[in-house]
C-alpha atoms as a PDB file:
ATOM      1  CA  MET A   1     264.286 213.293 150.207  1.00  0.00           C
ATOM      2  CA  ASN A   2     265.494 214.506 153.496  1.00  0.00           C
ATOM      3  CA  PRO A   3     264.154 211.836 155.979  1.00  0.00           C
ATOM      4  CA  GLU A   4     264.487 212.504 160.000  1.00  0.00           C
ATOM      5  CA  ASN A   5     264.220 209.060 161.420  1.00  0.00           C
ATOM      6  CA  ILE A   6     266.715 206.920 158.819  1.00  0.00           C
ATOM      7  CA  ARG A   7     270.078 207.642 157.281  1.00  0.00           C
ATOM      8  CA  LEU A   8     270.789 206.717 153.764  1.00  0.00           C
ATOM      9  CA  ALA A   9     274.298 205.944 151.852  1.00  0.00           C
ATOM     10  CA  ARG A  10     275.686 204.453 149.089  1.00  0.00           C
ATOM     11  CA  GLU A  11     278.862 201.942 149.614  1.00  0.00           C
ATOM     12  CA  GLY A  12     279.516 200.508 145.756  1.00  0.00           C
ATOM     13  CA  ALA A  13     276.535 199.007 144.632  1.00  0.00           C
ATOM     14  CA  ALA A  14     274.813 199.126 147.708  1.00  0.00           C
ATOM     15  CA  CYS A  15     272.238 201.342 148.872  1.00  0.00           C
ATOM     16  CA  ILE A  16     272.253 201.405 152.930  1.00  0.00           C
ATOM     17  CA  VAL A  17     269.116 202.143 154.904  1.00  0.00           C
ATOM     18  CA  THR A  18     270.098 202.817 158.464  1.00  0.00           C
ATOM     19  CA  ILE A  19     267.121 203.214 160.942  1.00  0.00           C
ATOM     20  CA  HIS A  20     268.376 205.914 163.067  1.00  0.00           C
ATOM     21  CA  ARG A  21     265.967 206.761 166.251  1.00  0.00           C
ATOM     22  CA  PRO A  22     268.719 206.178 168.783  1.00  0.00           C
ATOM     23  CA  ASP A  23     266.641 207.850 171.755  1.00  0.00           C
ATOM     24  CA  LYS A  24     263.822 205.660 171.166  1.00  0.00           C
ATOM     25  CA  ARG A  25     265.768 202.405 170.318  1.00  0.00           C
ATOM     26  CA  ASN A  26     265.135 202.460 166.483  1.00  0.00           C
ATOM     27  CA  ALA A  27     261.245 201.983 167.413  1.00  0.00           C
ATOM     28  CA  LEU A  28     259.158 201.833 164.088  1.00  0.00           C
ATOM     29  CA  SER A  29     256.967 204.891 163.994  1.00  0.00           C
ATOM     30  CA  LEU A  30     254.573 205.619 160.787  1.00  0.00           C
ATOM     31  CA  GLN A  31     256.954 208.561 159.724  1.00  0.00           C
ATOM     32  CA  THR A  32     260.131 206.072 159.987  1.00  0.00           C
ATOM     33  CA  MET A  33     257.905 203.199 158.069  1.00  0.00           C
ATOM     34  CA  ASP A  34     257.184 205.904 155.347  1.00  0.00           C
ATOM     35  CA  GLU A  35     260.834 207.115 154.851  1.00  0.00           C
ATOM     36  CA  ILE A  36     262.096 203.380 154.541  1.00  0.00           C
ATOM     37  CA  ALA A  37     259.391 202.888 152.082  1.00  0.00           C
ATOM     38  CA  ALA A  38     259.973 205.951 150.199  1.00  0.00           C
ATOM     39  CA  ALA A  39     263.599 205.556 150.401  1.00  0.00           C
ATOM     40  CA  VAL A  40     263.705 201.361 149.103  1.00  0.00           C
ATOM     41  CA  ARG A  41     261.274 202.526 146.241  1.00  0.00           C
ATOM     42  CA  GLU A  42     263.865 205.115 145.426  1.00  0.00           C
ATOM     43  CA  ALA A  43     266.895 202.635 145.295  1.00  0.00           C
ATOM     44  CA  ASN A  44     264.792 199.978 143.526  1.00  0.00           C
ATOM     45  CA  ALA A  45     264.310 202.292 140.753  1.00  0.00           C
ATOM     46  CA  ASP A  46     267.937 203.351 140.456  1.00  0.00           C
ATOM     47  CA  PRO A  47     269.841 200.975 138.445  1.00  0.00           C
ATOM     48  CA  ALA A  48     273.236 201.572 139.784  1.00  0.00           C
ATOM     49  CA  VAL A  49     271.798 200.038 142.959  1.00  0.00           C
ATOM     50  CA  ARG A  50     272.192 196.277 142.893  1.00  0.00           C
ATOM     51  CA  ALA A  51     270.950 195.553 146.411  1.00  0.00           C
ATOM     52  CA  ILE A  52     269.577 197.292 149.507  1.00  0.00           C
ATOM     53  CA  VAL A  53     271.019 196.493 153.063  1.00  0.00           C
ATOM     54  CA  LEU A  54     268.342 197.369 155.911  1.00  0.00           C
ATOM     55  CA  THR A  55     270.342 198.131 159.377  1.00  0.00           C
ATOM     56  CA  GLY A  56     269.542 199.760 162.787  1.00  0.00           C
ATOM     57  CA  GLY A  57     273.453 200.455 163.195  1.00  0.00           C
ATOM     58  CA  GLU A  58     276.130 198.931 165.684  1.00  0.00           C
ATOM     59  CA  LYS A  59     273.909 198.878 169.102  1.00  0.00           C
ATOM     60  CA  PHE A  60     270.615 197.528 168.031  1.00  0.00           C
ATOM     61  CA  PHE A  61     268.571 196.913 164.614  1.00  0.00           C
ATOM     62  CA  SER A  62     264.950 197.739 166.210  1.00  0.00           C
ATOM     63  CA  ALA A  63     263.017 197.505 169.468  1.00  0.00           C
ATOM     64  CA  GLY A  64     259.927 197.160 167.284  1.00  0.00           C
ATOM     65  CA  ALA A  65     256.491 199.100 166.917  1.00  0.00           C
ATOM     66  CA  ASP A  66     256.573 202.502 168.239  1.00  0.00           C
ATOM     67  CA  LEU A  67     254.332 201.536 170.995  1.00  0.00           C
ATOM     68  CA  ASN A  68     253.279 205.386 171.753  1.00  0.00           C
ATOM     69  CA  GLU A  69     251.587 205.385 168.292  1.00  0.00           C
ATOM     70  CA  ALA A  70     250.716 201.574 168.883  1.00  0.00           C
ATOM     71  CA  LEU A  71     248.394 202.246 171.686  1.00  0.00           C
ATOM     72  CA  GLN A  72     246.629 204.905 169.966  1.00  0.00           C
ATOM     73  CA  VAL A  73     244.752 202.081 167.899  1.00  0.00           C
ATOM     74  CA  LYS A  74     241.560 201.799 169.017  1.00  0.00           C
ATOM     75  CA  SER A  75     239.526 201.396 165.933  1.00  0.00           C
ATOM     76  CA  VAL A  76     239.532 199.341 162.696  1.00  0.00           C
ATOM     77  CA  MET A  77     240.545 202.767 160.752  1.00  0.00           C
ATOM     78  CA  ASP A  78     243.363 203.152 163.515  1.00  0.00           C
ATOM     79  CA  GLY A  79     244.674 199.737 162.882  1.00  0.00           C
ATOM     80  CA  ASP A  80     244.838 200.004 159.104  1.00  0.00           C
ATOM     81  CA  ALA A  81     246.417 203.389 159.321  1.00  0.00           C
ATOM     82  CA  PHE A  82     249.273 201.759 161.824  1.00  0.00           C
ATOM     83  CA  PHE A  83     249.522 198.052 161.369  1.00  0.00           C
ATOM     84  CA  GLY A  84     248.222 198.339 157.509  1.00  0.00           C
ATOM     85  CA  ARG A  85     251.121 200.827 157.020  1.00  0.00           C
ATOM     86  CA  ALA A  86     253.528 198.216 158.289  1.00  0.00           C
ATOM     87  CA  ASN A  87     252.251 195.165 156.563  1.00  0.00           C
ATOM     88  CA  ARG A  88     252.486 197.211 153.415  1.00  0.00           C
ATOM     89  CA  LEU A  89     256.051 198.009 154.100  1.00  0.00           C
ATOM     90  CA  CYS A  90     257.112 194.451 154.272  1.00  0.00           C
ATOM     91  CA  ALA A  91     255.037 193.183 151.708  1.00  0.00           C
ATOM     92  CA  LEU A  92     257.129 195.808 149.842  1.00  0.00           C
ATOM     93  CA  LEU A  93     260.357 194.606 150.890  1.00  0.00           C
ATOM     94  CA  GLU A  94     259.408 191.570 149.436  1.00  0.00           C
ATOM     95  CA  SER A  95     258.333 192.374 146.105  1.00  0.00           C
ATOM     96  CA  LEU A  96     261.340 194.799 145.063  1.00  0.00           C
ATOM     97  CA  ASP A  97     263.352 193.703 141.884  1.00  0.00           C
ATOM     98  CA  LYS A  98     266.499 193.684 144.173  1.00  0.00           C
ATOM     99  CA  PRO A  99     268.128 191.651 146.927  1.00  0.00           C
ATOM    100  CA  VAL A 100     267.278 193.129 150.467  1.00  0.00           C
ATOM    101  CA  LEU A 101     269.576 192.111 153.127  1.00  0.00           C
ATOM    102  CA  ALA A 102     269.113 192.812 157.050  1.00  0.00           C
ATOM    103  CA  ALA A 103     272.316 193.837 158.736  1.00  0.00           C
ATOM    104  CA  ILE A 104     271.500 192.946 162.665  1.00  0.00           C
ATOM    105  CA  GLU A 105     273.461 193.897 165.664  1.00  0.00           C
ATOM    106  CA  GLY A 106     271.897 193.988 168.900  1.00  0.00           C
ATOM    107  CA  PHE A 107     268.362 193.470 169.770  1.00  0.00           C
ATOM    108  CA  CYS A 108     265.929 192.566 167.215  1.00  0.00           C
ATOM    109  CA  ILE A 109     262.629 192.727 168.714  1.00  0.00           C
ATOM    110  CA  THR A 110     258.914 192.255 167.403  1.00  0.00           C
ATOM    111  CA  GLY A 111     258.327 194.667 164.794  1.00  0.00           C
ATOM    112  CA  GLY A 112     262.099 194.925 164.255  1.00  0.00           C
ATOM    113  CA  LEU A 113     262.368 191.297 163.935  1.00  0.00           C
ATOM    114  CA  GLU A 114     258.933 191.190 161.752  1.00  0.00           C
ATOM    115  CA  LEU A 115     260.528 193.930 159.375  1.00  0.00           C
ATOM    116  CA  ALA A 116     263.768 191.670 159.050  1.00  0.00           C
ATOM    117  CA  MET A 117     262.150 188.723 158.232  1.00  0.00           C
ATOM    118  CA  ALA A 118     260.864 190.380 155.337  1.00  0.00           C
ATOM    119  CA  CYS A 119     263.993 190.897 153.961  1.00  0.00           C
ATOM    120  CA  ASP A 120     265.596 188.002 151.712  1.00  0.00           C
ATOM    121  CA  ILE A 121     268.902 187.521 153.704  1.00  0.00           C
ATOM    122  CA  ARG A 122     269.068 187.977 157.398  1.00  0.00           C
ATOM    123  CA  ILE A 123     272.658 188.152 158.600  1.00  0.00           C
ATOM    124  CA  GLY A 124     273.092 188.460 162.383  1.00  0.00           C
ATOM    125  CA  ALA A 125     276.267 189.171 164.624  1.00  0.00           C
ATOM    126  CA  GLN A 126     277.186 187.474 167.598  1.00  0.00           C
ATOM    127  CA  GLY A 127     275.695 189.178 170.558  1.00  0.00           C
ATOM    128  CA  SER A 128     272.272 189.874 168.659  1.00  0.00           C
ATOM    129  CA  GLY A 129     269.074 188.671 169.960  1.00  0.00           C
ATOM    130  CA  TYR A 130     265.923 187.855 168.618  1.00  0.00           C
ATOM    131  CA  ALA A 131     262.146 187.725 170.027  1.00  0.00           C
ATOM    132  CA  ILE A 132     258.233 188.658 169.683  1.00  0.00           C
ATOM    133  CA  THR A 133     257.297 189.987 172.551  1.00  0.00           C
ATOM    134  CA  SER A 134     253.792 190.456 171.813  1.00  0.00           C
ATOM    135  CA  ALA A 135     252.244 188.180 174.332  1.00  0.00           C
ATOM    136  CA  ARG A 136     254.019 190.126 177.395  1.00  0.00           C
ATOM    137  CA  ILE A 137     251.659 192.852 176.645  1.00  0.00           C
ATOM    138  CA  GLY A 138     248.458 190.723 175.640  1.00  0.00           C
ATOM    139  CA  THR A 139     248.450 191.065 171.936  1.00  0.00           C
ATOM    140  CA  VAL A 140     249.743 189.496 169.010  1.00  0.00           C
ATOM    141  CA  ALA A 141     252.605 190.051 166.257  1.00  0.00           C
ATOM    142  CA  GLY A 142     251.108 192.596 163.766  1.00  0.00           C
ATOM    143  CA  PHE A 143     253.681 192.976 161.200  1.00  0.00           C
ATOM    144  CA  GLY A 144     253.073 189.632 159.844  1.00  0.00           C
ATOM    145  CA  GLY A 145     254.987 187.726 162.184  1.00  0.00           C
ATOM    146  CA  THR A 146     252.992 184.989 162.870  1.00  0.00           C
ATOM    147  CA  GLN A 147     252.915 184.140 159.086  1.00  0.00           C
ATOM    148  CA  ARG A 148     256.628 184.567 158.234  1.00  0.00           C
ATOM    149  CA  LEU A 149     258.111 183.119 161.361  1.00  0.00           C
ATOM    150  CA  PRO A 150     256.642 179.622 161.023  1.00  0.00           C
ATOM    151  CA  ARG A 151     257.688 179.749 157.528  1.00  0.00           C
ATOM    152  CA  LEU A 152     261.203 180.347 158.236  1.00  0.00           C
ATOM    153  CA  VAL A 153     261.547 177.852 161.340  1.00  0.00           C
ATOM    154  CA  GLY A 154     258.612 175.713 161.482  1.00  0.00           C
ATOM    155  CA  PRO A 155     255.312 175.876 163.272  1.00  0.00           C
ATOM    156  CA  GLY A 156     256.590 174.122 166.236  1.00  0.00           C
ATOM    157  CA  ARG A 157     259.722 176.673 167.024  1.00  0.00           C
ATOM    158  CA  ALA A 158     257.582 179.463 166.113  1.00  0.00           C
ATOM    159  CA  MET A 159     254.832 179.005 168.490  1.00  0.00           C
ATOM    160  CA  ASP A 160     257.379 178.281 171.039  1.00  0.00           C
ATOM    161  CA  MET A 161     258.962 181.665 170.447  1.00  0.00           C
ATOM    162  CA  LEU A 162     255.427 183.172 170.274  1.00  0.00           C
ATOM    163  CA  PHE A 163     254.473 181.555 173.543  1.00  0.00           C
ATOM    164  CA  SER A 164     257.240 182.292 175.428  1.00  0.00           C
ATOM    165  CA  ALA A 165     257.773 185.774 174.370  1.00  0.00           C
ATOM    166  CA  GLU A 166     261.461 185.414 175.223  1.00  0.00           C
ATOM    167  CA  GLN A 167     264.619 186.196 173.641  1.00  0.00           C
ATOM    168  CA  VAL A 168     266.807 183.799 171.593  1.00  0.00           C
ATOM    169  CA  ASP A 169     270.665 184.568 171.089  1.00  0.00           C
ATOM    170  CA  ALA A 170     272.228 184.521 167.802  1.00  0.00           C
ATOM    171  CA  GLU A 171     273.468 180.969 168.025  1.00  0.00           C
ATOM    172  CA  HIS A 172     269.984 179.706 168.205  1.00  0.00           C
ATOM    173  CA  ALA A 173     268.696 181.962 165.744  1.00  0.00           C
ATOM    174  CA  PHE A 174     271.018 180.394 163.191  1.00  0.00           C
ATOM    175  CA  ARG A 175     270.711 177.038 163.861  1.00  0.00           C
ATOM    176  CA  ILE A 176     266.799 177.200 163.392  1.00  0.00           C
ATOM    177  CA  GLY A 177     267.021 179.351 160.410  1.00  0.00           C
ATOM    178  CA  LEU A 178     265.669 182.752 161.373  1.00  0.00           C
ATOM    179  CA  ILE A 179     268.956 184.250 160.268  1.00  0.00           C
ATOM    180  CA  ASP A 180     271.120 183.063 157.597  1.00  0.00           C
ATOM    181  CA  ARG A 181     274.733 184.526 158.247  1.00  0.00           C
ATOM    182  CA  LEU A 182     276.232 184.401 161.847  1.00  0.00           C
ATOM    183  CA  VAL A 183     279.418 186.737 161.864  1.00  0.00           C
ATOM    184  CA  GLU A 184     281.449 188.457 164.607  1.00  0.00           C
ATOM    185  CA  LYS A 185     279.922 191.074 166.634  1.00  0.00           C
ATOM    186  CA  GLY A 186     280.449 194.324 164.446  1.00  0.00           C
ATOM    187  CA  GLN A 187     280.946 192.495 161.513  1.00  0.00           C
ATOM    188  CA  ALA A 188     277.029 192.294 160.323  1.00  0.00           C
ATOM    189  CA  LEU A 189     276.958 195.326 157.687  1.00  0.00           C
ATOM    190  CA  ALA A 190     280.497 194.522 156.187  1.00  0.00           C
ATOM    191  CA  GLN A 191     279.457 190.882 155.426  1.00  0.00           C
ATOM    192  CA  ALA A 192     276.363 192.463 153.781  1.00  0.00           C
ATOM    193  CA  LEU A 193     278.168 194.588 151.600  1.00  0.00           C
ATOM    194  CA  LYS A 194     280.700 191.634 151.116  1.00  0.00           C
ATOM    195  CA  LEU A 195     277.626 189.670 149.797  1.00  0.00           C
ATOM    196  CA  VAL A 196     276.303 192.942 147.563  1.00  0.00           C
ATOM    197  CA  SER A 197     279.896 192.759 146.013  1.00  0.00           C
ATOM    198  CA  VAL A 198     279.239 189.040 144.659  1.00  0.00           C
ATOM    199  CA  TYR A 199     275.402 190.105 143.779  1.00  0.00           C
ATOM    200  CA  GLU A 200     276.500 192.750 141.486  1.00  0.00           C
ATOM    201  CA  GLN A 201     278.392 190.317 139.586  1.00  0.00           C
ATOM    202  CA  ARG A 202     275.396 188.211 138.660  1.00  0.00           C
ATOM    203  CA  GLY A 203     272.350 189.394 136.427  1.00  0.00           C
ATOM    204  CA  PRO A 204     270.142 191.650 137.529  1.00  0.00           C
ATOM    205  CA  ILE A 205     267.132 190.030 135.968  1.00  0.00           C
ATOM    206  CA  SER A 206     268.317 186.828 137.054  1.00  0.00           C
ATOM    207  CA  LEU A 207     268.037 187.713 140.918  1.00  0.00           C
ATOM    208  CA  ALA A 208     264.881 189.640 140.295  1.00  0.00           C
ATOM    209  CA  PHE A 209     263.170 186.523 138.582  1.00  0.00           C
ATOM    210  CA  ALA A 210     264.794 184.197 141.109  1.00  0.00           C
ATOM    211  CA  LYS A 211     263.302 186.436 144.143  1.00  0.00           C
ATOM    212  CA  ARG A 212     259.994 186.157 142.382  1.00  0.00           C
ATOM    213  CA  ALA A 213     259.924 182.790 141.983  1.00  0.00           C
ATOM    214  CA  VAL A 214     260.823 182.223 145.376  1.00  0.00           C
ATOM    215  CA  GLN A 215     258.104 184.659 146.807  1.00  0.00           C
ATOM    216  CA  GLN A 216     255.259 183.892 144.694  1.00  0.00           C
ATOM    217  CA  GLY A 217     256.038 179.942 144.680  1.00  0.00           C
ATOM    218  CA  LEU A 218     255.990 179.829 148.426  1.00  0.00           C
ATOM    219  CA  GLN A 219     252.357 180.737 148.172  1.00  0.00           C
ATOM    220  CA  MET A 220     251.487 178.241 145.656  1.00  0.00           C
ATOM    221  CA  ASP A 221     251.076 174.314 145.213  1.00  0.00           C
ATOM    222  CA  LEU A 222     254.074 172.752 143.723  1.00  0.00           C
ATOM    223  CA  ALA A 223     252.477 172.307 140.099  1.00  0.00           C
ATOM    224  CA  SER A 224     251.480 175.582 139.654  1.00  0.00           C
ATOM    225  CA  ALA A 225     254.802 177.054 141.235  1.00  0.00           C
ATOM    226  CA  VAL A 226     257.019 175.105 138.801  1.00  0.00           C
ATOM    227  CA  ALA A 227     254.542 176.389 136.084  1.00  0.00           C
ATOM    228  CA  TYR A 228     255.591 180.035 137.327  1.00  0.00           C
ATOM    229  CA  GLU A 229     259.051 178.911 136.994  1.00  0.00           C
ATOM    230  CA  TYR A 230     258.792 177.888 133.639  1.00  0.00           C
ATOM    231  CA  SER A 231     257.004 181.030 132.648  1.00  0.00           C
ATOM    232  CA  LEU A 232     259.983 182.953 134.289  1.00  0.00           C
ATOM    233  CA  VAL A 233     263.051 181.065 132.550  1.00  0.00           C
ATOM    234  CA  THR A 234     261.103 181.108 129.118  1.00  0.00           C
ATOM    235  CA  ALA A 235     260.746 185.049 129.541  1.00  0.00           C
ATOM    236  CA  ILE A 236     264.606 185.357 130.772  1.00  0.00           C
ATOM    237  CA  TYR A 237     265.788 183.447 127.725  1.00  0.00           C
ATOM    238  CA  GLY A 238     264.924 186.008 125.441  1.00  0.00           C
ATOM    239  CA  THR A 239     267.015 189.057 127.157  1.00  0.00           C
ATOM    240  CA  ASP A 240     270.255 190.274 126.109  1.00  0.00           C
ATOM    241  CA  ASP A 241     271.577 189.437 129.631  1.00  0.00           C
ATOM    242  CA  LYS A 242     270.952 185.675 128.732  1.00  0.00           C
ATOM    243  CA  ARG A 243     272.731 186.077 125.557  1.00  0.00           C
ATOM    244  CA  GLU A 244     275.812 188.059 127.258  1.00  0.00           C
ATOM    245  CA  GLY A 245     276.176 185.756 130.054  1.00  0.00           C
ATOM    246  CA  VAL A 246     275.975 182.308 127.918  1.00  0.00           C
ATOM    247  CA  SER A 247     278.535 184.145 125.669  1.00  0.00           C
ATOM    248  CA  ALA A 248     280.955 185.288 128.245  1.00  0.00           C
ATOM    249  CA  PHE A 249     280.650 181.672 129.798  1.00  0.00           C
ATOM    250  CA  LEU A 250     281.351 180.074 126.408  1.00  0.00           C
ATOM    251  CA  GLU A 251     284.508 182.671 126.035  1.00  0.00           C
ATOM    252  CA  LYS A 252     285.518 182.195 129.520  1.00  0.00           C
ATOM    253  CA  ARG A 253     285.140 186.181 130.288  1.00  0.00           C
ATOM    254  CA  GLU A 254     283.650 188.351 132.796  1.00  0.00           C
ATOM    255  CA  ALA A 255     279.865 188.818 131.494  1.00  0.00           C
ATOM    256  CA  LYS A 256     278.811 192.455 131.439  1.00  0.00           C
ATOM    257  CA  PHE A 257     274.947 192.235 132.176  1.00  0.00           C
ATOM    258  CA  THR A 258     272.571 195.352 131.360  1.00  0.00           C
ATOM    259  CA  GLY A 259     269.857 194.721 132.911  1.00  0.00           C
ATOM    260  CA  ARG A 260     267.824 194.236 129.697  1.00  0.00           C
END
């Protein structure tokens, strides 16, 4: 693929997807979202890729939806074409077999934050800022923000952010659980790659199933979620990777997982 609005790179077992629309502050246009979707699908299908890192570069993550396109939404069909596309992208990130990490420098606003919240792990650098500013323009978050934000930080903190539409800094975001790792300015991508170097030593089926268990289980009552976990652990005990992992542990050596 030859994308125009993103940059792709490989570093070790990581596929790095960088949103690259600096003149638009990495605003998420339809084309940009389509390019991200195509890139992560391709990375998910590549057995050499063990995790995907989504970033916006050194200055900012994303200013949110491309308002020039969003303002063209004037009908139900327009809304499905734009906001439906964004929601499908966020759902795609959550459904991938591989960990998806957001490496955040600078501002991460509205649609940008909603995209980051659909990632599995968020790494925020000092100096980064987070907000859903929809109330400032008389709208409401349209990429799943009203649902993912309270699941991460709780309903009260979520509504505080949604009502005020004010930006919170990285330290506050870390305290309330909006970001999972807080690092020095300029180190978000490096920290993400360090985590990928750990993940690549783990069983790929284990990570895929753990992600499914969490993502699907959050939508269920506890009894159903535990039953779902039971089905996954029963399945994974029949894999070659499980046999290799247990053998390696007993033999005090590093496991060589194959994803089978």
